[in-house]
Every structure is written in structure tokens, then in C-alpha cells.
Amino acid sequence: MDWDDLRIFLAVARADSLSGAGRALKIDPATVGRRIARLEEGIGARLFTKTPQGYALTEAGANLLPHAQRAEAAVLGAGDAVSAPQGLTGQIRLGAPDGCANYLLPQVIARICDENPGLEVQLVALPRVFNLSKREADMAVAVSRPQAGRLTVQKLTDYRLHLAASRAYLDARPIHSRADLPKHRFVGYIADMIFDKELDYLAEIGAPQNQSSPPLASNSVSVQLNFLRQGAGVGVVHDFALPAAPELRRILTDEISLTRSFWLIRHADDGRVARLSRFAAALTAGVRAEMARLEAEIARRIL
């Protein structure tokens, strides 16, 4: 079986369309269709069925998929084996929730790229879970450890969250205890767009009943943070984001504190790709060092 045909098969499986695969591979969709037809003829089985939603894998296609993914990993690993070992090169796409992507990863990735001038990193910040099987990213950061799929998972770091509000807001509306909270407007996630149970902060801290669906809400951590910076109310904030928002101050820290973890998720077959493994190791070390630095800064400034 020809690797180039498998490469095209993988692109269609990930894009669910000939046109999407063509864009990814930079070839004409008609050529993609002909190559898939040739592969199906050689195998003697249909690999895709066309549906209103696009090209869906048949049973034969689903059976072929893991073998094609392993072939891809082997090809990538072979390329790593003969490439120069002195530095990371090429493009790596990393998916992450937007709080992590905005306030923790940029400085870490910048340092990794400074040390590896030939490396290009695409950081995709989306408030949802990434599909690594479809190669939406080479690896992803998640707030929950996945329980299914052919994945390798390692903990990056723990992090903490607290209630916070702007200093101006608190000067005008002091908060001394939990009993004061029902009088305040909360900022948080849009309830029906919480993509992971670990993000349901307001329910966990026992927010007042009338605030379980906050009057100011967004699916973006950055938008929530900017609501708070503008004095719009009270909300749960990642501690590591506080140095980027000097207007904010933590409140009720002895009574309300949350701990979460970031997990680095990779496709199981990518363990043989040395370049990705080296990047994952650098990312893990960098994130842990940066988290320690930020926590020290927060303690020093008593944010």
C-alpha cells in the first residue's frame, strides 16, 4: 500500500471532505477524489460514504484509520531520525483553553522558540476539547484527564483560582464574608457553553442561587477577566492571570479557593516522533517553571 495514498486518506478522514483535504494537502479536490477511488479499488472496499455532513468513514475506513495513523507516525519518526539533533525545527500546532493560551503559554513558547530558531509554533486558543485524531492540533492542553481514546496523557501543572474583583469595585462595594456575596453581580461562563465540568466554578464555590447563571457571562476567560477589570462585578480568576490584570484583587481567599490541573494530551502514535516528544518535554519544563515564577510574584505582591 502506497504511503502517499494513505496520506490522502488521512486528510479526507480528518477534514470530512475532499475540498478540506485538498486545502490541507495543497492539491486539487478532484485529484483527492481520484486518489481515494484508486485506493478503494486497490483495497477492494469502500472507505468513505458521502453524507449531508460530508465524507464519513465506512467500517472498512474506520478499520484502516489506526493503521494509517501509525504509518504517519513512522514516517514522521523516520524524518526525525535523520534530521539534525541540535534544535527543534518545523511547525507544531498546540491547542489550549483560552485562559492557559493567553496568560501562561505565550511566554513559555516564546522562550522555547528563542532556543530553537527553526521552530514554528501555532497556538490555537479555543474554549473546547480538541480532536487529536482529526489532527486539529499535534498536541493539546486540557483541564480534565481524558478517559477514552488512543492518547498519552501527562500532567503539566496544578493551578489555583480565587474570587476576584477590581480594586475600584471593592472600594465602592466591600466584601467581608460569604454573606455579602448575594448582593454582588457575578461574572462567569455561559452556563450552556461550559465544555468541561471542571470549569463550573460558580456551582462549586456555592455561588448564590440567583447567580448560578451569571448576569455577565462569556465562553472566554479573557472576556470574563476584562469584565472584572472594568469593575463589572465579582468572578473566579486563574491566579496565574492576575499579574496581567493589576486592577484586580483576590477576595475571601481563606474561605474560597479552587485547584485544577492542566494535562498535556498527545495521540498515542506520536510517542515515536522524537521532535514532538522533545517539544513536549520543553513545554512541560517551561510551564512548571513559569507557574512557579508567577506564584512567587503573586505571593510577593499579595494580589
C-alpha atoms as a PDB file:
ATOM      1  CA  MET A   1       0.000   0.000   0.000  1.00  0.00           C
ATOM      2  CA  ASP A   2       1.396   3.399  -1.037  1.00  0.00           C
ATOM      3  CA  TRP A   3       2.111   5.867   1.798  1.00  0.00           C
ATOM      4  CA  ASP A   4       1.045   8.807  -0.352  1.00  0.00           C
ATOM      5  CA  ASP A   5      -2.405   7.253  -0.794  1.00  0.00           C
ATOM      6  CA  LEU A   6      -2.639   6.742   2.976  1.00  0.00           C
ATOM      7  CA  ARG A   7      -1.651  10.374   3.489  1.00  0.00           C
ATOM      8  CA  ILE A   8      -4.573  11.471   1.320  1.00  0.00           C
ATOM      9  CA  PHE A   9      -6.901   9.020   3.079  1.00  0.00           C
ATOM     10  CA  LEU A  10      -5.949  10.564   6.446  1.00  0.00           C
ATOM     11  CA  ALA A  11      -6.558  14.090   5.165  1.00  0.00           C
ATOM     12  CA  VAL A  12     -10.085  13.222   3.989  1.00  0.00           C
ATOM     13  CA  ALA A  13     -10.834  11.386   7.249  1.00  0.00           C
ATOM     14  CA  ARG A  14      -9.775  14.458   9.232  1.00  0.00           C
ATOM     15  CA  ALA A  15     -11.439  17.090   7.063  1.00  0.00           C
ATOM     16  CA  ASP A  16     -14.620  15.091   6.279  1.00  0.00           C
ATOM     17  CA  SER A  17     -14.463  16.495   2.749  1.00  0.00           C
ATOM     18  CA  LEU A  18     -12.434  16.384  -0.454  1.00  0.00           C
ATOM     19  CA  SER A  19     -12.136  20.159  -0.553  1.00  0.00           C
ATOM     20  CA  GLY A  20     -10.892  20.360   3.036  1.00  0.00           C
ATOM     21  CA  ALA A  21      -8.358  17.623   2.383  1.00  0.00           C
ATOM     22  CA  GLY A  22      -7.264  19.396  -0.796  1.00  0.00           C
ATOM     23  CA  ARG A  23      -6.655  22.623   1.121  1.00  0.00           C
ATOM     24  CA  ALA A  24      -4.633  20.806   3.766  1.00  0.00           C
ATOM     25  CA  LEU A  25      -2.539  18.982   1.170  1.00  0.00           C
ATOM     26  CA  LYS A  26      -2.426  21.873  -1.326  1.00  0.00           C
ATOM     27  CA  ILE A  27      -3.776  19.743  -4.164  1.00  0.00           C
ATOM     28  CA  ASP A  28      -6.947  19.894  -6.268  1.00  0.00           C
ATOM     29  CA  PRO A  29     -10.045  18.268  -4.660  1.00  0.00           C
ATOM     30  CA  ALA A  30     -10.669  16.342  -7.888  1.00  0.00           C
ATOM     31  CA  THR A  31      -7.215  14.805  -7.543  1.00  0.00           C
ATOM     32  CA  VAL A  32      -8.029  13.877  -3.951  1.00  0.00           C
ATOM     33  CA  GLY A  33     -11.192  12.139  -5.163  1.00  0.00           C
ATOM     34  CA  ARG A  34      -9.317  10.188  -7.830  1.00  0.00           C
ATOM     35  CA  ARG A  35      -6.649   9.054  -5.377  1.00  0.00           C
ATOM     36  CA  ILE A  36      -9.276   7.881  -2.885  1.00  0.00           C
ATOM     37  CA  ALA A  37     -11.059   5.984  -5.670  1.00  0.00           C
ATOM     38  CA  ARG A  38      -7.760   4.355  -6.653  1.00  0.00           C
ATOM     39  CA  LEU A  39      -7.060   3.356  -3.040  1.00  0.00           C
ATOM     40  CA  GLU A  40     -10.558   1.896  -2.654  1.00  0.00           C
ATOM     41  CA  GLU A  41     -10.134  -0.062  -5.867  1.00  0.00           C
ATOM     42  CA  GLY A  42      -6.806  -1.451  -4.735  1.00  0.00           C
ATOM     43  CA  ILE A  43      -8.200  -2.468  -1.338  1.00  0.00           C
ATOM     44  CA  GLY A  44     -11.446  -3.747  -2.778  1.00  0.00           C
ATOM     45  CA  ALA A  45     -13.614  -1.872  -0.276  1.00  0.00           C
ATOM     46  CA  ARG A  46     -15.347   1.481   0.116  1.00  0.00           C
ATOM     47  CA  LEU A  47     -13.568   3.674   2.640  1.00  0.00           C
ATOM     48  CA  PHE A  48     -15.975   6.631   2.722  1.00  0.00           C
ATOM     49  CA  THR A  49     -19.665   7.211   2.270  1.00  0.00           C
ATOM     50  CA  LYS A  50     -20.957  10.627   1.304  1.00  0.00           C
ATOM     51  CA  THR A  51     -23.486  12.121   3.740  1.00  0.00           C
ATOM     52  CA  PRO A  52     -25.108  15.564   4.031  1.00  0.00           C
ATOM     53  CA  GLN A  53     -22.419  16.356   6.625  1.00  0.00           C
ATOM     54  CA  GLY A  54     -19.524  15.298   4.383  1.00  0.00           C
ATOM     55  CA  TYR A  55     -17.425  12.192   3.863  1.00  0.00           C
ATOM     56  CA  ALA A  56     -17.887   9.663   6.682  1.00  0.00           C
ATOM     57  CA  LEU A  57     -15.715   6.622   7.233  1.00  0.00           C
ATOM     58  CA  THR A  58     -17.234   3.245   6.413  1.00  0.00           C
ATOM     59  CA  GLU A  59     -16.451   0.241   8.597  1.00  0.00           C
ATOM     60  CA  ALA A  60     -13.511  -0.573   6.309  1.00  0.00           C
ATOM     61  CA  GLY A  61     -12.305   3.024   6.546  1.00  0.00           C
ATOM     62  CA  ALA A  62     -12.559   3.012  10.337  1.00  0.00           C
ATOM     63  CA  ASN A  63     -10.529  -0.226  10.393  1.00  0.00           C
ATOM     64  CA  LEU A  64      -7.856   1.307   8.160  1.00  0.00           C
ATOM     65  CA  LEU A  65      -7.602   4.567  10.151  1.00  0.00           C
ATOM     66  CA  PRO A  66      -5.400   3.418  13.084  1.00  0.00           C
ATOM     67  CA  HIS A  67      -3.025   1.653  10.672  1.00  0.00           C
ATOM     68  CA  ALA A  68      -2.722   4.824   8.585  1.00  0.00           C
ATOM     69  CA  GLN A  69      -2.083   6.873  11.724  1.00  0.00           C
ATOM     70  CA  ARG A  70       0.691   4.505  12.781  1.00  0.00           C
ATOM     71  CA  ALA A  71       2.203   4.711   9.291  1.00  0.00           C
ATOM     72  CA  GLU A  72       2.142   8.501   9.547  1.00  0.00           C
ATOM     73  CA  ALA A  73       3.888   8.404  12.918  1.00  0.00           C
ATOM     74  CA  ALA A  74       6.517   6.051  11.497  1.00  0.00           C
ATOM     75  CA  VAL A  75       7.195   8.379   8.558  1.00  0.00           C
ATOM     76  CA  LEU A  76       7.474  11.383  10.870  1.00  0.00           C
ATOM     77  CA  GLY A  77       9.723   9.411  13.203  1.00  0.00           C
ATOM     78  CA  ALA A  78      11.969   8.422  10.310  1.00  0.00           C
ATOM     79  CA  GLY A  79      12.318  12.065   9.357  1.00  0.00           C
ATOM     80  CA  ASP A  80      13.307  12.917  12.925  1.00  0.00           C
ATOM     81  CA  ALA A  81      15.863  10.116  12.993  1.00  0.00           C
ATOM     82  CA  VAL A  82      17.856  11.554  10.108  1.00  0.00           C
ATOM     83  CA  SER A  83      17.414  15.257  10.901  1.00  0.00           C
ATOM     84  CA  ALA A  84      19.939  17.339  12.762  1.00  0.00           C
ATOM     85  CA  PRO A  85      19.519  16.861  16.547  1.00  0.00           C
ATOM     86  CA  GLN A  86      20.785  20.249  17.615  1.00  0.00           C
ATOM     87  CA  GLY A  87      17.427  22.030  17.696  1.00  0.00           C
ATOM     88  CA  LEU A  88      13.706  21.741  17.126  1.00  0.00           C
ATOM     89  CA  THR A  89      12.530  22.714  13.659  1.00  0.00           C
ATOM     90  CA  GLY A  90       9.348  22.721  11.631  1.00  0.00           C
ATOM     91  CA  GLN A  91       5.792  23.527  12.620  1.00  0.00           C
ATOM     92  CA  ILE A  92       3.953  22.332  15.722  1.00  0.00           C
ATOM     93  CA  ARG A  93       0.313  23.173  16.434  1.00  0.00           C
ATOM     94  CA  LEU A  94      -0.712  23.270  20.087  1.00  0.00           C
ATOM     95  CA  GLY A  95      -4.318  23.567  21.233  1.00  0.00           C
ATOM     96  CA  ALA A  96      -5.207  25.031  24.623  1.00  0.00           C
ATOM     97  CA  PRO A  97      -8.120  26.572  26.532  1.00  0.00           C
ATOM     98  CA  ASP A  98      -8.001  30.328  26.165  1.00  0.00           C
ATOM     99  CA  GLY A  99      -7.032  31.157  29.759  1.00  0.00           C
ATOM    100  CA  CYS A 100      -3.937  28.983  29.514  1.00  0.00           C
ATOM    101  CA  ALA A 101      -3.275  30.161  25.950  1.00  0.00           C
ATOM    102  CA  ASN A 102      -3.486  33.837  26.871  1.00  0.00           C
ATOM    103  CA  TYR A 103      -1.786  34.071  30.251  1.00  0.00           C
ATOM    104  CA  LEU A 104       0.572  31.112  30.636  1.00  0.00           C
ATOM    105  CA  LEU A 105       1.738  29.641  27.338  1.00  0.00           C
ATOM    106  CA  PRO A 106       2.907  32.701  25.312  1.00  0.00           C
ATOM    107  CA  GLN A 107       5.937  33.430  27.475  1.00  0.00           C
ATOM    108  CA  VAL A 108       6.809  29.718  27.697  1.00  0.00           C
ATOM    109  CA  ILE A 109       6.565  29.160  23.948  1.00  0.00           C
ATOM    110  CA  ALA A 110       8.477  32.353  23.199  1.00  0.00           C
ATOM    111  CA  ARG A 111      11.416  31.073  25.244  1.00  0.00           C
ATOM    112  CA  ILE A 112      11.313  27.665  23.532  1.00  0.00           C
ATOM    113  CA  CYS A 113      11.335  29.367  20.122  1.00  0.00           C
ATOM    114  CA  ASP A 114      14.217  31.641  21.177  1.00  0.00           C
ATOM    115  CA  GLU A 115      16.215  28.494  21.905  1.00  0.00           C
ATOM    116  CA  ASN A 116      15.096  26.835  18.646  1.00  0.00           C
ATOM    117  CA  PRO A 117      15.105  29.452  15.842  1.00  0.00           C
ATOM    118  CA  GLY A 118      13.913  26.933  13.260  1.00  0.00           C
ATOM    119  CA  LEU A 119      10.750  26.116  15.205  1.00  0.00           C
ATOM    120  CA  GLU A 120       7.316  27.480  14.297  1.00  0.00           C
ATOM    121  CA  VAL A 121       4.527  27.113  16.879  1.00  0.00           C
ATOM    122  CA  GLN A 122       0.844  27.692  16.171  1.00  0.00           C
ATOM    123  CA  LEU A 123      -1.093  28.209  19.406  1.00  0.00           C
ATOM    124  CA  VAL A 124      -4.818  27.582  18.889  1.00  0.00           C
ATOM    125  CA  ALA A 125      -6.882  29.079  21.731  1.00  0.00           C
ATOM    126  CA  LEU A 126     -10.383  27.639  21.766  1.00  0.00           C
ATOM    127  CA  PRO A 127     -12.852  27.073  24.619  1.00  0.00           C
ATOM    128  CA  ARG A 128     -13.478  23.418  23.785  1.00  0.00           C
ATOM    129  CA  VAL A 129     -11.881  19.977  23.630  1.00  0.00           C
ATOM    130  CA  PHE A 130      -9.548  19.341  20.667  1.00  0.00           C
ATOM    131  CA  ASN A 131      -9.855  16.292  18.409  1.00  0.00           C
ATOM    132  CA  LEU A 132      -6.326  14.966  18.011  1.00  0.00           C
ATOM    133  CA  SER A 133      -7.447  12.087  15.790  1.00  0.00           C
ATOM    134  CA  LYS A 134      -8.521  14.655  13.199  1.00  0.00           C
ATOM    135  CA  ARG A 135      -5.197  16.468  13.672  1.00  0.00           C
ATOM    136  CA  GLU A 136      -6.798  19.718  14.782  1.00  0.00           C
ATOM    137  CA  ALA A 137      -3.555  20.011  16.727  1.00  0.00           C
ATOM    138  CA  ASP A 138      -0.356  17.995  17.226  1.00  0.00           C
ATOM    139  CA  MET A 139      -0.970  18.089  20.965  1.00  0.00           C
ATOM    140  CA  ALA A 140      -3.367  19.830  23.311  1.00  0.00           C
ATOM    141  CA  VAL A 141      -3.656  21.144  26.838  1.00  0.00           C
ATOM    142  CA  ALA A 142      -6.837  20.135  28.658  1.00  0.00           C
ATOM    143  CA  VAL A 143      -8.372  20.825  32.077  1.00  0.00           C
ATOM    144  CA  SER A 144      -9.587  17.233  32.504  1.00  0.00           C
ATOM    145  CA  ARG A 145      -7.717  13.985  32.011  1.00  0.00           C
ATOM    146  CA  PRO A 146      -9.409  12.165  29.094  1.00  0.00           C
ATOM    147  CA  GLN A 147     -10.819   8.747  29.897  1.00  0.00           C
ATOM    148  CA  ALA A 148     -11.028   7.310  26.375  1.00  0.00           C
ATOM    149  CA  GLY A 149      -9.127   7.271  23.094  1.00  0.00           C
ATOM    150  CA  ARG A 150      -5.651   6.233  21.981  1.00  0.00           C
ATOM    151  CA  LEU A 151      -3.897   9.027  23.818  1.00  0.00           C
ATOM    152  CA  THR A 152      -0.895   9.635  26.019  1.00  0.00           C
ATOM    153  CA  VAL A 153      -1.519  11.974  28.931  1.00  0.00           C
ATOM    154  CA  GLN A 154       0.807  13.699  31.362  1.00  0.00           C
ATOM    155  CA  LYS A 155       0.143  16.325  33.988  1.00  0.00           C
ATOM    156  CA  LEU A 156       1.648  19.697  33.175  1.00  0.00           C
ATOM    157  CA  THR A 157       0.916  21.530  36.411  1.00  0.00           C
ATOM    158  CA  ASP A 158      -1.647  22.313  39.078  1.00  0.00           C
ATOM    159  CA  TYR A 159      -3.032  25.835  39.313  1.00  0.00           C
ATOM    160  CA  ARG A 160      -5.287  27.740  41.663  1.00  0.00           C
ATOM    161  CA  LEU A 161      -8.266  30.028  41.241  1.00  0.00           C
ATOM    162  CA  HIS A 162      -9.896  32.550  43.586  1.00  0.00           C
ATOM    163  CA  LEU A 163     -12.703  35.063  43.609  1.00  0.00           C
ATOM    164  CA  ALA A 164     -11.521  38.477  42.486  1.00  0.00           C
ATOM    165  CA  ALA A 165     -12.825  41.924  41.644  1.00  0.00           C
ATOM    166  CA  SER A 166     -11.311  45.272  40.714  1.00  0.00           C
ATOM    167  CA  ARG A 167      -9.927  47.448  43.469  1.00  0.00           C
ATOM    168  CA  ALA A 168     -12.285  50.252  42.436  1.00  0.00           C
ATOM    169  CA  TYR A 169     -15.269  47.896  42.630  1.00  0.00           C
ATOM    170  CA  LEU A 170     -14.272  46.688  46.090  1.00  0.00           C
ATOM    171  CA  ASP A 171     -13.653  50.215  47.357  1.00  0.00           C
ATOM    172  CA  ALA A 172     -17.251  51.065  46.471  1.00  0.00           C
ATOM    173  CA  ARG A 173     -18.771  47.705  47.470  1.00  0.00           C
ATOM    174  CA  PRO A 174     -16.666  45.990  50.164  1.00  0.00           C
ATOM    175  CA  ILE A 175     -16.894  42.217  50.599  1.00  0.00           C
ATOM    176  CA  HIS A 176     -16.064  40.924  54.076  1.00  0.00           C
ATOM    177  CA  SER A 177     -17.607  37.423  54.060  1.00  0.00           C
ATOM    178  CA  ARG A 178     -19.622  34.928  52.009  1.00  0.00           C
ATOM    179  CA  ALA A 179     -22.745  36.527  53.429  1.00  0.00           C
ATOM    180  CA  ASP A 180     -22.018  39.634  51.355  1.00  0.00           C
ATOM    181  CA  LEU A 181     -21.912  37.772  48.014  1.00  0.00           C
ATOM    182  CA  PRO A 182     -25.671  37.702  47.201  1.00  0.00           C
ATOM    183  CA  LYS A 183     -25.575  41.497  46.961  1.00  0.00           C
ATOM    184  CA  HIS A 184     -22.976  41.422  44.172  1.00  0.00           C
ATOM    185  CA  ARG A 185     -23.116  40.783  40.441  1.00  0.00           C
ATOM    186  CA  PHE A 186     -21.155  37.747  39.270  1.00  0.00           C
ATOM    187  CA  VAL A 187     -19.162  37.284  36.073  1.00  0.00           C
ATOM    188  CA  GLY A 188     -18.664  33.767  34.727  1.00  0.00           C
ATOM    189  CA  TYR A 189     -19.182  31.227  31.955  1.00  0.00           C
ATOM    190  CA  ILE A 190     -22.291  30.989  29.810  1.00  0.00           C
ATOM    191  CA  ALA A 191     -23.943  28.041  31.544  1.00  0.00           C
ATOM    192  CA  ASP A 192     -24.824  26.005  28.456  1.00  0.00           C
ATOM    193  CA  MET A 193     -21.388  26.567  26.897  1.00  0.00           C
ATOM    194  CA  ILE A 194     -19.314  25.087  29.727  1.00  0.00           C
ATOM    195  CA  PHE A 195     -17.456  22.380  27.811  1.00  0.00           C
ATOM    196  CA  ASP A 196     -15.847  20.704  30.837  1.00  0.00           C
ATOM    197  CA  LYS A 197     -17.279  20.095  34.308  1.00  0.00           C
ATOM    198  CA  GLU A 198     -14.010  21.378  35.799  1.00  0.00           C
ATOM    199  CA  LEU A 199     -14.990  24.871  34.585  1.00  0.00           C
ATOM    200  CA  ASP A 200     -18.257  25.017  36.531  1.00  0.00           C
ATOM    201  CA  TYR A 201     -16.633  27.205  39.163  1.00  0.00           C
ATOM    202  CA  LEU A 202     -19.681  29.081  40.436  1.00  0.00           C
ATOM    203  CA  ALA A 203     -21.529  25.886  41.274  1.00  0.00           C
ATOM    204  CA  GLU A 204     -18.521  24.547  43.157  1.00  0.00           C
ATOM    205  CA  ILE A 205     -17.970  27.636  45.292  1.00  0.00           C
ATOM    206  CA  GLY A 206     -21.654  27.723  46.167  1.00  0.00           C
ATOM    207  CA  ALA A 207     -22.462  30.968  44.415  1.00  0.00           C
ATOM    208  CA  PRO A 208     -25.826  32.458  45.431  1.00  0.00           C
ATOM    209  CA  GLN A 209     -28.784  30.771  43.745  1.00  0.00           C
ATOM    210  CA  ASN A 210     -29.621  33.896  41.792  1.00  0.00           C
ATOM    211  CA  GLN A 211     -26.077  33.907  40.388  1.00  0.00           C
ATOM    212  CA  SER A 212     -25.892  30.299  39.145  1.00  0.00           C
ATOM    213  CA  SER A 213     -26.386  31.730  35.653  1.00  0.00           C
ATOM    214  CA  PRO A 214     -24.295  34.909  35.910  1.00  0.00           C
ATOM    215  CA  PRO A 215     -25.761  38.132  34.500  1.00  0.00           C
ATOM    216  CA  LEU A 216     -22.427  38.898  32.814  1.00  0.00           C
ATOM    217  CA  ALA A 217     -21.115  35.818  31.052  1.00  0.00           C
ATOM    218  CA  SER A 218     -18.789  34.716  28.274  1.00  0.00           C
ATOM    219  CA  ASN A 219     -17.328  31.465  26.964  1.00  0.00           C
ATOM    220  CA  SER A 220     -13.936  33.230  27.002  1.00  0.00           C
ATOM    221  CA  VAL A 221     -11.757  33.564  30.099  1.00  0.00           C
ATOM    222  CA  SER A 222     -10.186  36.699  28.621  1.00  0.00           C
ATOM    223  CA  VAL A 223     -13.557  38.390  28.202  1.00  0.00           C
ATOM    224  CA  GLN A 224     -14.525  37.474  31.760  1.00  0.00           C
ATOM    225  CA  LEU A 225     -11.249  38.925  33.026  1.00  0.00           C
ATOM    226  CA  ASN A 226     -11.852  42.160  31.139  1.00  0.00           C
ATOM    227  CA  PHE A 227     -15.372  42.413  32.584  1.00  0.00           C
ATOM    228  CA  LEU A 228     -13.807  42.246  36.029  1.00  0.00           C
ATOM    229  CA  ARG A 229     -11.074  44.741  35.146  1.00  0.00           C
ATOM    230  CA  GLN A 230     -13.818  47.202  34.165  1.00  0.00           C
ATOM    231  CA  GLY A 231     -15.408  46.886  37.604  1.00  0.00           C
ATOM    232  CA  ALA A 232     -18.405  44.926  36.328  1.00  0.00           C
ATOM    233  CA  GLY A 233     -18.629  42.537  39.277  1.00  0.00           C
ATOM    234  CA  VAL A 234     -17.062  39.548  41.023  1.00  0.00           C
ATOM    235  CA  GLY A 235     -15.769  36.375  39.382  1.00  0.00           C
ATOM    236  CA  VAL A 236     -13.446  33.376  39.645  1.00  0.00           C
ATOM    237  CA  VAL A 237      -9.993  34.139  38.222  1.00  0.00           C
ATOM    238  CA  HIS A 238      -6.931  31.998  37.494  1.00  0.00           C
ATOM    239  CA  ASP A 239      -4.196  33.130  39.886  1.00  0.00           C
ATOM    240  CA  PHE A 240      -1.654  32.941  37.059  1.00  0.00           C
ATOM    241  CA  ALA A 241      -3.621  35.601  35.133  1.00  0.00           C
ATOM    242  CA  LEU A 242      -3.507  38.145  37.969  1.00  0.00           C
ATOM    243  CA  PRO A 243      -0.076  39.637  37.113  1.00  0.00           C
ATOM    244  CA  ALA A 244      -1.592  40.613  33.734  1.00  0.00           C
ATOM    245  CA  ALA A 245      -4.524  42.341  35.478  1.00  0.00           C
ATOM    246  CA  PRO A 246      -3.101  44.635  38.185  1.00  0.00           C
ATOM    247  CA  GLU A 247      -6.541  46.216  38.676  1.00  0.00           C
ATOM    248  CA  LEU A 248      -7.808  43.023  40.314  1.00  0.00           C
ATOM    249  CA  ARG A 249      -7.562  41.817  43.892  1.00  0.00           C
ATOM    250  CA  ARG A 250      -8.375  38.389  45.284  1.00  0.00           C
ATOM    251  CA  ILE A 251     -11.095  38.210  47.944  1.00  0.00           C
ATOM    252  CA  LEU A 252     -12.148  35.690  50.628  1.00  0.00           C
ATOM    253  CA  THR A 253      -9.013  33.649  49.936  1.00  0.00           C
ATOM    254  CA  ASP A 254      -9.279  31.808  53.264  1.00  0.00           C
ATOM    255  CA  GLU A 255     -12.828  30.701  52.509  1.00  0.00           C
ATOM    256  CA  ILE A 256     -12.921  30.142  48.742  1.00  0.00           C
ATOM    257  CA  SER A 257     -10.084  28.516  46.793  1.00  0.00           C
ATOM    258  CA  LEU A 258     -10.120  26.091  43.854  1.00  0.00           C
ATOM    259  CA  THR A 259      -7.351  23.870  42.496  1.00  0.00           C
ATOM    260  CA  ARG A 260      -7.296  22.495  38.959  1.00  0.00           C
ATOM    261  CA  SER A 261      -4.735  20.825  36.697  1.00  0.00           C
ATOM    262  CA  PHE A 262      -3.554  21.215  33.125  1.00  0.00           C
ATOM    263  CA  TRP A 263      -2.907  17.982  31.214  1.00  0.00           C
ATOM    264  CA  LEU A 264      -0.831  17.607  28.050  1.00  0.00           C
ATOM    265  CA  ILE A 265      -2.610  15.279  25.614  1.00  0.00           C
ATOM    266  CA  ARG A 266      -0.945  13.586  22.632  1.00  0.00           C
ATOM    267  CA  HIS A 267      -2.003  10.937  20.173  1.00  0.00           C
ATOM    268  CA  ALA A 268      -0.560   7.581  21.244  1.00  0.00           C
ATOM    269  CA  ASP A 269       1.255   7.060  17.927  1.00  0.00           C
ATOM    270  CA  ASP A 270       3.151  10.333  18.316  1.00  0.00           C
ATOM    271  CA  GLY A 271       5.288   8.896  21.090  1.00  0.00           C
ATOM    272  CA  ARG A 272       7.649   7.666  18.380  1.00  0.00           C
ATOM    273  CA  VAL A 273       8.052  11.137  16.880  1.00  0.00           C
ATOM    274  CA  ALA A 274      11.168  12.458  18.600  1.00  0.00           C
ATOM    275  CA  ARG A 275      10.554  16.086  17.585  1.00  0.00           C
ATOM    276  CA  LEU A 276       7.142  16.145  19.261  1.00  0.00           C
ATOM    277  CA  SER A 277       8.484  14.369  22.336  1.00  0.00           C
ATOM    278  CA  ARG A 278      11.294  16.899  22.686  1.00  0.00           C
ATOM    279  CA  PHE A 279       8.855  19.775  22.322  1.00  0.00           C
ATOM    280  CA  ALA A 280       6.523  18.196  24.915  1.00  0.00           C
ATOM    281  CA  ALA A 281       9.425  17.879  27.361  1.00  0.00           C
ATOM    282  CA  ALA A 282      10.451  21.503  26.819  1.00  0.00           C
ATOM    283  CA  LEU A 283       6.854  22.672  27.178  1.00  0.00           C
ATOM    284  CA  THR A 284       6.340  20.729  30.417  1.00  0.00           C
ATOM    285  CA  ALA A 285       9.527  22.079  31.994  1.00  0.00           C
ATOM    286  CA  GLY A 286       8.738  25.594  30.810  1.00  0.00           C
ATOM    287  CA  VAL A 287       5.159  25.596  32.098  1.00  0.00           C
ATOM    288  CA  ARG A 288       6.206  24.349  35.521  1.00  0.00           C
ATOM    289  CA  ALA A 289       8.957  26.949  35.796  1.00  0.00           C
ATOM    290  CA  GLU A 290       6.651  29.742  34.655  1.00  0.00           C
ATOM    291  CA  MET A 291       3.921  28.693  37.087  1.00  0.00           C
ATOM    292  CA  ALA A 292       6.427  28.790  39.947  1.00  0.00           C
ATOM    293  CA  ARG A 293       7.573  32.246  38.848  1.00  0.00           C
ATOM    294  CA  LEU A 294       4.023  33.587  38.649  1.00  0.00           C
ATOM    295  CA  GLU A 295       3.068  32.130  42.028  1.00  0.00           C
ATOM    296  CA  ALA A 296       6.119  33.775  43.588  1.00  0.00           C
ATOM    297  CA  GLU A 297       5.149  37.100  42.016  1.00  0.00           C
ATOM    298  CA  ILE A 298       1.591  36.771  43.287  1.00  0.00           C
ATOM    299  CA  ALA A 299       2.800  35.986  46.813  1.00  0.00           C
ATOM    300  CA  ARG A 300       5.197  38.924  46.705  1.00  0.00           C
ATOM    301  CA  ARG A 301       2.541  41.373  45.542  1.00  0.00           C
ATOM    302  CA  ILE A 302      -0.256  39.806  47.645  1.00  0.00           C
ATOM    303  CA  LEU A 303      -2.694  40.135  44.729  1.00  0.00           C
END
